[in-house]
Amino acid sequence: MTARILVVDDILPNVKLLEAKLSNEYFDVITAHDGYQALELIHRDMPDLVLLDVMMPGIDGFEVCRQIKADATVAHIPVIMVTALGDVADRVQGLEAGADDFLTKPVDDMALFARVRSLLRLKIMMDELRLRERTSNTLGVIEPARTLAEPLQDGARILLVEDLDYDAERIGGILSQRHAPVIERDAQVALGLARNGDFDLVVISLGLQGFDPLRLCSQLRTEMETRQVPILILVDDGDRRRLAKGLDLGVNDYVMRPIDANELLARTRTQLRRKRYQDRLRDNYHRSMTLAVTDSLTGLYNRHYMTSHLETLMGRAHHDGRALTLLMMDIDFFKSINDTQGHAAGDEVLREIAARLNRNVRGIDLAARFGGEEFVVILPEMDLPHAAAIAERLRRHVAEQPFPLSAGASVEVTCSIGVAQSRLGDDPVDLIRRADEALYRAKGEGRNRVVVQPSDLIGLSGSVPAETVETKLPIA
């Protein structure tokens, strides 16, 4: 894993030592010798991670970290504080400033590299989500997620897995000061709870008896339901090997025993804040994906998605020798509705058309807004006679029930529908063209009717008037 790491320390030998170690692990290293230079390089070079000394002249590491985390453009960059300060209060102060970890000199190489790689993996994932969000925001699709620095609400659901009664009660008591812990002593039961419990954080003791706690961590990272839940492990001081293994497995953070209440709460807050931010990034991504394939006014699929999906469905239908039909619908005299009732009323009519389409098609069918007042319905595994009957049912549901408007009035609406069936050798353009030709005939013959594409008919009349279609075609 290659990445650019900024090393910040006012003592040159310390810088050179870390630079040599990191370069030997194939990281690109840039260096700074005070806090002001570090902030300048962070904004100019955008490193992937910062190794930050605390005791520096001018501006100390705590303030540098606070400024990094308060700036939305760089707040996502992980910060590891590396210092000779070993007091718990100093660690808590660093975590409260926004640091992702706090390592004490002399730094254990195994712990350092495991932590660096763990944080870099997390950043790569977050960078991808942020990039997609930025693209969607540029297009005006969504608003960006708020920053990591946003205040955190209490009451998070935390699963604590600890089988020693005294430790379980003590740690649960610490967590319950701000949150809602659930204590489970059996690792297998805990895995089931995590799958179904919608937890914000899982805290696992590496001192579990009768079950390998690292295997539990691995299972949580493997399961789809728990893959994104942060994991914090409780580690005996000196158990560096299992700590490094846990970080490699995807553990997010750790607390060394004996456990300090303030440090546990600080690290818990860090993980909960990051999870909330990641959840918003993912939610924004999924919303942007939804908005990218749906019509914002009606909620139906848009034309781009419909044509892409139609190509897939046609390929499958041709391969399996099954029928596939397409309905092209157009609202009759829609311009007059806009002219007499206003465009807001026209929008209401379009939304109600979409609602009636959704109520009258099957789950496997796809309804889409083709553009303006035109709609398309794709009917997989349905032959032409049954598709025409469905089209007639849709026509009736539009024509026979007035459309209520928010102003208290209502408007009569009718529609014309063209029906075409996919044939071997067709592509989506061919099928849409034939359905559109049938629609054009329906409008030319008086509107408010269903017309089946003549070239697709087998023993049926090319024009199927609305008033007689049900007597000629079987009802689906």
Protein backbone atom coordinates (compact mmCIF):
# COMPACT_ATOMS: atom_id res chain seq x y z
CA MET A 1 0.00 0.00 0.00
CA THR A 2 1.62 3.23 -1.14
CA ALA A 3 0.63 6.59 0.32
CA ARG A 4 2.03 10.04 1.08
CA ILE A 5 2.73 10.53 4.79
CA LEU A 6 3.60 13.85 6.42
CA VAL A 7 6.01 13.55 9.37
CA VAL A 8 5.98 16.59 11.68
CA ASP A 9 8.63 16.94 14.41
CA ASP A 10 10.95 19.78 15.44
CA ILE A 11 13.79 17.36 16.25
CA LEU A 12 15.63 16.42 13.05
CA PRO A 13 16.88 12.95 14.17
CA ASN A 14 13.28 11.95 15.00
CA VAL A 15 12.16 13.05 11.55
CA LYS A 16 14.97 11.18 9.83
CA LEU A 17 14.29 8.00 11.79
CA LEU A 18 10.57 7.93 10.96
CA GLU A 19 11.30 8.91 7.36
CA ALA A 20 13.70 5.99 7.00
CA LYS A 21 11.29 3.48 8.56
CA LEU A 22 8.34 4.59 6.46
CA SER A 23 10.35 4.77 3.24
CA ASN A 24 11.52 1.22 3.88
CA GLU A 25 7.84 0.21 3.91
CA TYR A 26 7.41 1.93 0.50
CA PHE A 27 5.56 5.00 1.72
CA ASP A 28 6.26 8.42 0.22
CA VAL A 29 7.35 10.76 3.00
CA ILE A 30 7.27 14.54 3.26
CA THR A 31 8.45 16.36 6.38
CA ALA A 32 7.77 19.51 8.37
CA HIS A 33 9.60 20.92 11.41
CA ASP A 34 6.90 23.03 13.04
CA GLY A 35 3.14 23.37 13.16
CA TYR A 36 2.84 26.29 10.76
CA GLN A 37 4.86 24.51 8.07
CA ALA A 38 2.79 21.37 8.67
CA LEU A 39 -0.50 23.22 8.07
CA GLU A 40 0.89 24.76 4.90
CA LEU A 41 2.02 21.37 3.54
CA ILE A 42 -1.26 19.71 4.47
CA HIS A 43 -3.23 22.19 2.34
CA ARG A 44 -0.69 22.22 -0.47
CA ASP A 45 0.22 18.52 -0.79
CA MET A 46 -2.86 16.83 0.76
CA PRO A 47 -1.03 13.92 2.42
CA ASP A 48 -2.86 10.66 3.11
CA LEU A 49 -1.83 10.59 6.77
CA VAL A 50 -0.05 12.85 9.29
CA LEU A 51 2.37 11.67 11.97
CA LEU A 52 2.37 14.63 14.34
CA ASP A 53 4.61 15.43 17.29
CA VAL A 54 2.97 17.21 20.22
CA MET A 55 5.74 19.32 21.77
CA MET A 56 6.81 21.85 19.13
CA PRO A 57 7.69 25.56 19.27
CA GLY A 58 5.20 28.16 18.13
CA ILE A 59 2.11 26.01 17.83
CA ASP A 60 1.88 22.60 19.48
CA GLY A 61 0.52 19.40 17.97
CA PHE A 62 -2.80 19.61 19.79
CA GLU A 63 -3.59 22.95 18.14
CA VAL A 64 -2.37 21.73 14.75
CA CYS A 65 -4.70 18.74 15.02
CA ARG A 66 -7.64 20.92 16.07
CA GLN A 67 -7.09 23.18 13.05
CA ILE A 68 -6.88 20.18 10.70
CA LYS A 69 -10.11 18.67 11.99
CA ALA A 70 -11.94 22.02 11.94
CA ASP A 71 -11.21 22.50 8.23
CA ALA A 72 -13.69 20.56 6.06
CA THR A 73 -11.21 20.37 3.16
CA VAL A 74 -8.63 18.37 5.17
CA ALA A 75 -10.59 17.02 8.16
CA HIS A 76 -10.75 13.56 6.57
CA ILE A 77 -6.94 13.14 6.73
CA PRO A 78 -6.01 10.73 9.57
CA VAL A 79 -3.72 12.13 12.27
CA ILE A 80 -1.53 10.00 14.54
CA MET A 81 0.13 11.90 17.38
CA VAL A 82 3.60 10.61 18.21
CA THR A 83 5.08 11.99 21.42
CA ALA A 84 7.15 11.33 24.51
CA LEU A 85 4.14 12.28 26.65
CA GLY A 86 2.83 9.08 28.17
CA ASP A 87 0.17 10.30 30.58
CA VAL A 88 -3.41 9.18 29.96
CA ALA A 89 -4.58 12.79 30.19
CA ASP A 90 -2.31 13.66 27.26
CA ARG A 91 -3.77 10.82 25.18
CA VAL A 92 -7.28 11.98 25.95
CA GLN A 93 -6.37 15.57 25.06
CA GLY A 94 -5.01 14.38 21.71
CA LEU A 95 -8.12 12.31 21.00
CA GLU A 96 -10.35 15.22 21.99
CA ALA A 97 -8.42 17.41 19.54
CA GLY A 98 -9.43 14.97 16.80
CA ALA A 99 -6.41 12.66 16.59
CA ASP A 100 -7.10 9.16 15.31
CA ASP A 101 -4.46 7.64 17.55
CA PHE A 102 -1.83 8.62 20.10
CA LEU A 103 1.44 6.65 20.14
CA THR A 104 4.10 7.09 22.80
CA LYS A 105 7.82 7.24 22.03
CA PRO A 106 9.75 5.08 21.55
CA VAL A 107 7.22 3.87 18.99
CA ASP A 108 6.83 0.14 18.48
CA ASP A 109 7.30 -0.46 14.74
CA MET A 110 4.71 -3.24 14.53
CA ALA A 111 2.04 -1.11 16.19
CA LEU A 112 2.95 1.93 14.10
CA PHE A 113 2.80 0.19 10.72
CA ALA A 114 -0.36 -1.73 11.59
CA ARG A 115 -2.06 1.50 12.66
CA VAL A 116 -0.86 3.40 9.59
CA ARG A 117 -2.14 0.73 7.21
CA SER A 118 -5.44 0.46 9.06
CA LEU A 119 -6.08 4.21 8.86
CA LEU A 120 -4.99 4.37 5.21
CA ARG A 121 -7.45 1.61 4.26
CA LEU A 122 -10.19 3.58 5.97
CA LYS A 123 -9.17 6.79 4.20
CA ILE A 124 -9.18 5.10 0.78
CA MET A 125 -12.77 4.02 1.33
CA MET A 126 -13.82 7.45 2.59
CA ASP A 127 -12.05 9.19 -0.30
CA GLU A 128 -14.04 7.14 -2.79
CA LEU A 129 -17.31 8.05 -1.08
CA ARG A 130 -16.31 11.71 -0.84
CA LEU A 131 -15.37 11.78 -4.53
CA ARG A 132 -18.75 10.38 -5.54
CA GLU A 133 -20.48 12.83 -3.24
CA ARG A 134 -18.51 15.73 -4.72
CA THR A 135 -19.54 14.67 -8.23
CA SER A 136 -23.20 14.47 -7.22
CA ASN A 137 -22.98 17.82 -5.45
CA THR A 138 -21.43 19.43 -8.54
CA LEU A 139 -24.35 18.15 -10.57
CA GLY A 140 -26.75 19.59 -8.01
CA VAL A 141 -28.12 16.16 -7.11
CA ILE A 142 -27.43 16.18 -3.35
CA GLU A 143 -26.10 18.36 -0.57
CA PRO A 144 -22.73 17.32 0.92
CA ALA A 145 -22.52 15.47 4.24
CA ARG A 146 -21.52 17.57 7.19
CA THR A 147 -18.01 17.35 8.60
CA LEU A 148 -16.53 15.08 11.23
CA ALA A 149 -16.43 18.01 13.67
CA GLU A 150 -20.21 18.19 14.04
CA PRO A 151 -21.33 17.68 17.68
CA LEU A 152 -22.22 14.10 18.56
CA GLN A 153 -25.52 13.17 20.17
CA ASP A 154 -25.63 10.78 23.13
CA GLY A 155 -27.51 7.49 23.17
CA ALA A 156 -25.56 5.43 20.63
CA ARG A 157 -26.20 1.67 20.67
CA ILE A 158 -22.99 -0.13 21.64
CA LEU A 159 -22.50 -3.89 21.83
CA LEU A 160 -19.95 -4.84 24.51
CA VAL A 161 -18.55 -8.37 24.26
CA GLU A 162 -16.84 -9.24 27.55
CA ASP A 163 -17.14 -12.51 29.52
CA LEU A 164 -15.52 -11.36 32.78
CA ASP A 165 -18.33 -10.14 35.02
CA TYR A 166 -16.37 -7.42 36.82
CA ASP A 167 -14.93 -5.96 33.60
CA ALA A 168 -18.27 -6.21 31.80
CA GLU A 169 -20.06 -4.27 34.55
CA ARG A 170 -17.31 -1.65 34.87
CA ILE A 171 -16.91 -1.00 31.14
CA GLY A 172 -20.67 -1.08 30.62
CA GLY A 173 -21.02 1.46 33.41
CA ILE A 174 -18.51 3.79 31.75
CA LEU A 175 -20.24 3.56 28.39
CA SER A 176 -23.70 4.04 29.92
CA GLN A 177 -22.69 7.54 31.06
CA ARG A 178 -23.32 8.73 27.50
CA HIS A 179 -24.66 5.83 25.49
CA ALA A 180 -26.82 2.68 25.54
CA PRO A 181 -24.54 -0.37 25.88
CA VAL A 182 -25.75 -3.95 25.50
CA ILE A 183 -23.52 -6.44 27.31
CA GLU A 184 -23.08 -9.94 25.89
CA ARG A 185 -20.73 -12.53 27.36
CA ASP A 186 -21.10 -15.19 24.64
CA ALA A 187 -19.24 -14.40 21.38
CA GLN A 188 -21.55 -16.47 19.19
CA VAL A 189 -24.64 -14.82 20.64
CA ALA A 190 -22.93 -11.45 20.20
CA LEU A 191 -22.43 -12.16 16.49
CA GLY A 192 -26.15 -12.81 16.09
CA LEU A 193 -27.02 -9.64 18.02
CA ALA A 194 -24.66 -7.60 15.85
CA ARG A 195 -26.31 -8.94 12.68
CA ASN A 196 -29.75 -7.87 13.80
CA GLY A 197 -29.20 -5.13 16.36
CA ASP A 198 -28.31 -2.07 14.28
CA PHE A 199 -25.41 -1.18 16.58
CA ASP A 200 -23.29 1.96 16.17
CA LEU A 201 -20.16 0.37 17.69
CA VAL A 202 -18.96 -3.05 18.83
CA VAL A 203 -16.47 -3.22 21.72
CA ILE A 204 -14.68 -6.58 22.03
CA SER A 205 -12.33 -7.76 24.77
CA LEU A 206 -9.31 -9.68 23.52
CA GLY A 207 -9.42 -11.55 26.83
CA LEU A 208 -12.48 -13.62 25.89
CA GLN A 209 -12.35 -17.23 27.10
CA GLY A 210 -13.56 -20.15 24.99
CA PHE A 211 -13.69 -18.21 21.70
CA ASP A 212 -11.02 -16.43 19.71
CA PRO A 213 -11.99 -12.72 19.86
CA LEU A 214 -10.02 -11.99 16.68
CA ARG A 215 -12.16 -14.55 14.86
CA LEU A 216 -15.21 -12.64 16.05
CA CYS A 217 -13.66 -9.45 14.63
CA SER A 218 -13.04 -11.24 11.34
CA GLN A 219 -16.62 -12.55 11.21
CA LEU A 220 -18.01 -9.08 11.85
CA ARG A 221 -15.95 -7.74 8.96
CA THR A 222 -17.09 -10.60 6.69
CA GLU A 223 -20.84 -10.40 7.34
CA MET A 224 -22.75 -8.01 5.08
CA GLU A 225 -24.90 -6.72 7.95
CA THR A 226 -21.93 -5.81 10.17
CA ARG A 227 -19.22 -4.95 7.65
CA GLN A 228 -19.51 -1.20 8.22
CA VAL A 229 -19.90 -1.22 12.02
CA PRO A 230 -16.76 0.13 13.76
CA ILE A 231 -14.95 -2.26 16.10
CA LEU A 232 -12.99 -1.17 19.18
CA ILE A 233 -10.92 -3.82 20.96
CA LEU A 234 -9.72 -3.93 24.56
CA VAL A 235 -6.07 -5.06 24.65
CA ASP A 236 -3.70 -6.03 27.44
CA ASP A 237 -0.67 -3.75 27.54
CA GLY A 238 2.18 -5.52 25.77
CA ASP A 239 -0.05 -7.68 23.55
CA ARG A 240 1.27 -5.92 20.44
CA ARG A 241 1.12 -8.95 18.19
CA ARG A 242 -2.62 -9.49 18.57
CA LEU A 243 -3.23 -5.75 18.40
CA ALA A 244 -1.43 -5.59 15.04
CA LYS A 245 -3.36 -8.64 13.84
CA GLY A 246 -6.64 -7.05 14.86
CA LEU A 247 -5.86 -3.85 12.99
CA ASP A 248 -4.99 -5.89 9.91
CA LEU A 249 -8.36 -7.66 10.20
CA GLY A 250 -10.17 -4.34 10.08
CA VAL A 251 -10.48 -3.31 13.73
CA ASN A 252 -10.94 0.45 13.89
CA ASP A 253 -9.44 1.34 17.28
CA TYR A 254 -8.26 -0.05 20.59
CA VAL A 255 -7.90 0.79 24.27
CA MET A 256 -5.02 -0.58 26.34
CA ARG A 257 -5.66 -2.06 29.77
CA PRO A 258 -5.90 -0.88 32.49
CA ILE A 259 -8.78 0.99 30.93
CA ASP A 260 -9.10 4.68 31.62
CA ALA A 261 -12.71 5.86 31.51
CA ASN A 262 -11.94 9.16 29.79
CA GLU A 263 -9.83 7.50 27.10
CA LEU A 264 -12.49 4.87 26.44
CA LEU A 265 -15.16 7.56 26.06
CA ALA A 266 -12.88 9.69 23.87
CA ARG A 267 -12.08 6.83 21.52
CA THR A 268 -15.75 5.83 21.48
CA ARG A 269 -16.73 9.36 20.47
CA THR A 270 -14.15 9.33 17.67
CA GLN A 271 -15.52 6.09 16.23
CA LEU A 272 -19.14 7.14 16.55
CA ARG A 273 -18.46 10.49 14.92
CA ARG A 274 -16.64 8.84 12.04
CA LYS A 275 -19.40 6.23 11.59
CA ARG A 276 -22.04 8.95 11.45
CA TYR A 277 -20.02 10.79 8.80
CA GLN A 278 -19.46 7.59 6.78
CA ASP A 279 -23.14 6.68 7.05
CA ARG A 280 -24.05 10.08 5.63
CA LEU A 281 -21.54 9.69 2.82
CA ARG A 282 -22.98 6.26 1.97
CA ASP A 283 -26.54 7.54 2.26
CA ASN A 284 -25.69 10.44 -0.04
CA TYR A 285 -24.10 8.02 -2.49
CA HIS A 286 -27.15 5.75 -2.52
CA ARG A 287 -29.48 8.74 -2.85
CA SER A 288 -27.41 10.09 -5.72
CA MET A 289 -27.57 6.70 -7.41
CA THR A 290 -31.34 6.67 -6.95
CA LEU A 291 -31.69 10.21 -8.27
CA ALA A 292 -29.46 9.37 -11.21
CA VAL A 293 -31.89 6.70 -12.44
CA THR A 294 -35.23 8.23 -11.44
CA ASP A 295 -37.31 11.15 -12.60
CA SER A 296 -37.36 13.78 -9.86
CA LEU A 297 -40.97 14.85 -10.50
CA THR A 298 -42.76 11.49 -10.75
CA GLY A 299 -40.41 9.12 -8.96
CA LEU A 300 -40.52 6.75 -11.93
CA TYR A 301 -37.36 5.54 -13.62
CA ASN A 302 -35.92 8.02 -16.11
CA ARG A 303 -35.34 7.53 -19.82
CA HIS A 304 -31.64 6.76 -19.47
CA TYR A 305 -32.22 3.93 -17.01
CA MET A 306 -35.22 2.61 -18.97
CA THR A 307 -33.30 2.26 -22.24
CA SER A 308 -30.36 0.58 -20.50
CA HIS A 309 -32.64 -1.84 -18.64
CA LEU A 310 -34.67 -2.51 -21.77
CA GLU A 311 -31.55 -3.67 -23.59
CA THR A 312 -30.85 -6.18 -20.79
CA LEU A 313 -34.44 -7.42 -20.74
CA MET A 314 -34.56 -7.80 -24.52
CA GLY A 315 -31.32 -9.77 -24.57
CA ARG A 316 -32.71 -12.13 -21.92
CA ALA A 317 -36.07 -12.47 -23.70
CA HIS A 318 -34.41 -13.30 -27.02
CA HIS A 319 -32.07 -15.80 -25.36
CA ASP A 320 -34.93 -17.58 -23.53
CA GLY A 321 -37.45 -17.29 -26.37
CA ARG A 322 -39.92 -15.38 -24.21
CA ALA A 323 -42.19 -12.48 -25.08
CA LEU A 324 -41.52 -8.88 -24.14
CA THR A 325 -43.82 -5.97 -24.95
CA LEU A 326 -43.61 -2.23 -24.53
CA LEU A 327 -46.32 0.37 -24.01
CA MET A 328 -45.79 3.98 -25.07
CA MET A 329 -48.29 6.33 -23.39
CA ASP A 330 -48.95 10.01 -24.06
CA ILE A 331 -51.32 12.30 -22.15
CA ASP A 332 -53.88 13.76 -24.56
CA PHE A 333 -53.98 17.56 -24.88
CA PHE A 334 -51.53 18.00 -22.00
CA LYS A 335 -50.53 21.46 -23.21
CA SER A 336 -54.09 22.68 -22.67
CA ILE A 337 -53.91 21.54 -19.02
CA ASN A 338 -50.78 23.63 -18.52
CA ASP A 339 -52.34 26.58 -20.36
CA THR A 340 -55.66 26.57 -18.50
CA GLN A 341 -54.74 25.19 -15.07
CA GLY A 342 -51.10 26.22 -14.80
CA HIS A 343 -47.85 24.29 -14.81
CA ALA A 344 -48.19 23.35 -11.14
CA ALA A 345 -51.45 21.58 -12.00
CA GLY A 346 -49.69 19.92 -14.94
CA ASP A 347 -47.04 18.59 -12.55
CA GLU A 348 -49.78 17.19 -10.30
CA VAL A 349 -51.29 15.39 -13.27
CA LEU A 350 -47.91 13.87 -14.17
CA ARG A 351 -47.40 12.65 -10.60
CA GLU A 352 -50.89 11.13 -10.51
CA ILE A 353 -50.31 9.40 -13.84
CA ALA A 354 -47.16 7.86 -12.35
CA ALA A 355 -49.10 6.73 -9.27
CA ARG A 356 -51.80 5.09 -11.40
CA LEU A 357 -49.16 3.36 -13.51
CA ASN A 358 -47.51 1.94 -10.40
CA ARG A 359 -50.85 0.67 -9.07
CA ASN A 360 -51.70 -1.16 -12.29
CA VAL A 361 -48.50 -2.94 -13.30
CA ARG A 362 -46.77 -6.01 -11.91
CA GLY A 363 -43.69 -6.00 -9.74
CA ILE A 364 -41.51 -7.27 -12.61
CA ASP A 365 -42.77 -4.54 -14.97
CA LEU A 366 -40.92 -1.26 -15.31
CA ALA A 367 -42.68 2.10 -15.63
CA ALA A 368 -40.62 5.12 -16.71
CA ARG A 369 -41.10 8.71 -17.72
CA PHE A 370 -39.84 8.93 -21.28
CA GLY A 371 -39.95 12.71 -21.42
CA GLY A 372 -42.50 15.50 -21.08
CA GLU A 373 -45.94 13.88 -20.93
CA GLU A 374 -44.79 10.55 -22.43
CA PHE A 375 -44.44 7.39 -20.37
CA VAL A 376 -43.16 3.88 -21.12
CA VAL A 377 -44.11 0.58 -19.50
CA ILE A 378 -41.98 -2.50 -20.19
CA LEU A 379 -43.81 -5.81 -19.73
CA PRO A 380 -41.41 -8.80 -19.55
CA GLU A 381 -42.78 -12.27 -20.32
CA MET A 382 -46.07 -10.89 -21.65
CA ASP A 383 -47.40 -11.49 -25.16
CA LEU A 384 -49.07 -8.92 -27.34
CA PRO A 385 -52.77 -9.72 -26.64
CA HIS A 386 -52.30 -9.61 -22.87
CA ALA A 387 -50.16 -6.48 -23.12
CA ALA A 388 -52.87 -4.75 -25.13
CA ALA A 389 -55.39 -5.68 -22.44
CA ILE A 390 -53.11 -4.21 -19.77
CA ALA A 391 -52.80 -1.06 -21.89
CA GLU A 392 -56.58 -0.78 -22.10
CA ARG A 393 -56.86 -1.19 -18.34
CA LEU A 394 -54.37 1.63 -17.87
CA ARG A 395 -56.27 3.80 -20.34
CA ARG A 396 -59.50 3.27 -18.40
CA HIS A 397 -57.88 4.05 -15.05
CA VAL A 398 -56.75 7.36 -16.49
CA ALA A 399 -59.96 8.31 -18.31
CA GLU A 400 -62.62 7.16 -15.87
CA GLN A 401 -61.37 8.88 -12.71
CA PRO A 402 -60.91 12.69 -12.67
CA PHE A 403 -57.56 13.97 -11.45
CA PRO A 404 -57.89 16.00 -8.21
CA LEU A 405 -55.82 19.18 -7.95
CA SER A 406 -54.49 20.78 -4.79
CA ALA A 407 -56.49 23.95 -5.46
CA GLY A 408 -59.68 21.92 -4.88
CA ALA A 409 -60.68 21.51 -8.50
CA SER A 410 -60.24 18.44 -10.69
CA VAL A 411 -59.47 17.87 -14.33
CA GLU A 412 -60.51 15.20 -16.83
CA VAL A 413 -57.54 13.46 -18.41
CA THR A 414 -57.27 10.86 -21.15
CA CYS A 415 -54.29 9.14 -22.71
CA SER A 416 -53.32 7.35 -25.91
CA ILE A 417 -51.22 4.18 -25.84
CA GLY A 418 -49.16 2.38 -28.48
CA VAL A 419 -48.21 -1.29 -28.00
CA ALA A 420 -45.35 -3.18 -29.65
CA GLN A 421 -43.73 -6.57 -29.08
CA SER A 422 -40.01 -7.30 -29.25
CA ARG A 423 -38.89 -9.44 -32.20
CA LEU A 424 -35.69 -11.39 -32.74
CA GLY A 425 -33.02 -9.03 -34.02
CA ASP A 426 -34.61 -5.94 -32.43
CA ASP A 427 -32.66 -3.49 -30.35
CA PRO A 428 -34.29 -1.02 -27.90
CA VAL A 429 -34.43 1.69 -30.57
CA ASP A 430 -36.43 -0.60 -32.89
CA LEU A 431 -38.94 -1.57 -30.22
CA ILE A 432 -39.43 2.00 -28.96
CA ARG A 433 -39.84 3.23 -32.56
CA ARG A 434 -42.59 0.72 -33.33
CA ALA A 435 -44.44 1.49 -30.08
CA ASP A 436 -44.12 5.20 -30.88
CA GLU A 437 -45.57 4.61 -34.38
CA ALA A 438 -48.54 2.82 -32.79
CA LEU A 439 -48.96 5.71 -30.36
CA TYR A 440 -48.90 8.17 -33.27
CA ARG A 441 -51.70 6.21 -34.94
CA ALA A 442 -53.73 6.23 -31.71
CA LYS A 443 -53.50 10.00 -31.54
CA GLY A 444 -54.29 10.33 -35.24
CA GLU A 445 -57.40 8.16 -34.92
CA GLY A 446 -58.99 10.32 -32.23
CA ARG A 447 -56.91 9.80 -29.04
CA ASN A 448 -58.08 8.08 -25.83
CA ARG A 449 -57.43 4.66 -27.33
CA VAL A 450 -54.98 1.76 -27.52
CA VAL A 451 -53.35 0.86 -30.82
CA VAL A 452 -51.22 -2.24 -31.36
CA GLN A 453 -48.35 -1.94 -33.83
CA PRO A 454 -49.78 -3.48 -37.03
CA SER A 455 -46.57 -5.28 -37.99
CA ASP A 456 -46.62 -7.11 -34.63
CA LEU A 457 -50.21 -8.34 -34.88
CA ILE A 458 -51.01 -12.01 -35.32
CA GLY A 459 -54.66 -12.38 -36.21
CA LEU A 460 -55.59 -9.02 -34.66
CA SER A 461 -56.72 -5.74 -36.17
CA GLY A 462 -53.99 -3.09 -36.44
CA SER A 463 -56.09 -0.51 -34.65
CA VAL A 464 -57.82 -1.64 -31.48
CA PRO A 465 -60.40 1.00 -30.47
CA ALA A 466 -60.70 1.68 -26.77
CA GLU A 467 -64.34 0.67 -26.65
CA THR A 468 -63.80 -2.75 -28.25
CA VAL A 469 -60.35 -3.86 -27.16
CA GLU A 470 -61.58 -5.91 -24.19
CA THR A 471 -63.93 -7.96 -26.36
CA LYS A 472 -61.09 -8.84 -28.76
CA LEU A 473 -58.28 -9.49 -26.29
CA PRO A 474 -58.02 -11.67 -23.17
CA ILE A 475 -57.87 -9.80 -19.91
CA ALA A 476 -54.59 -10.34 -17.98
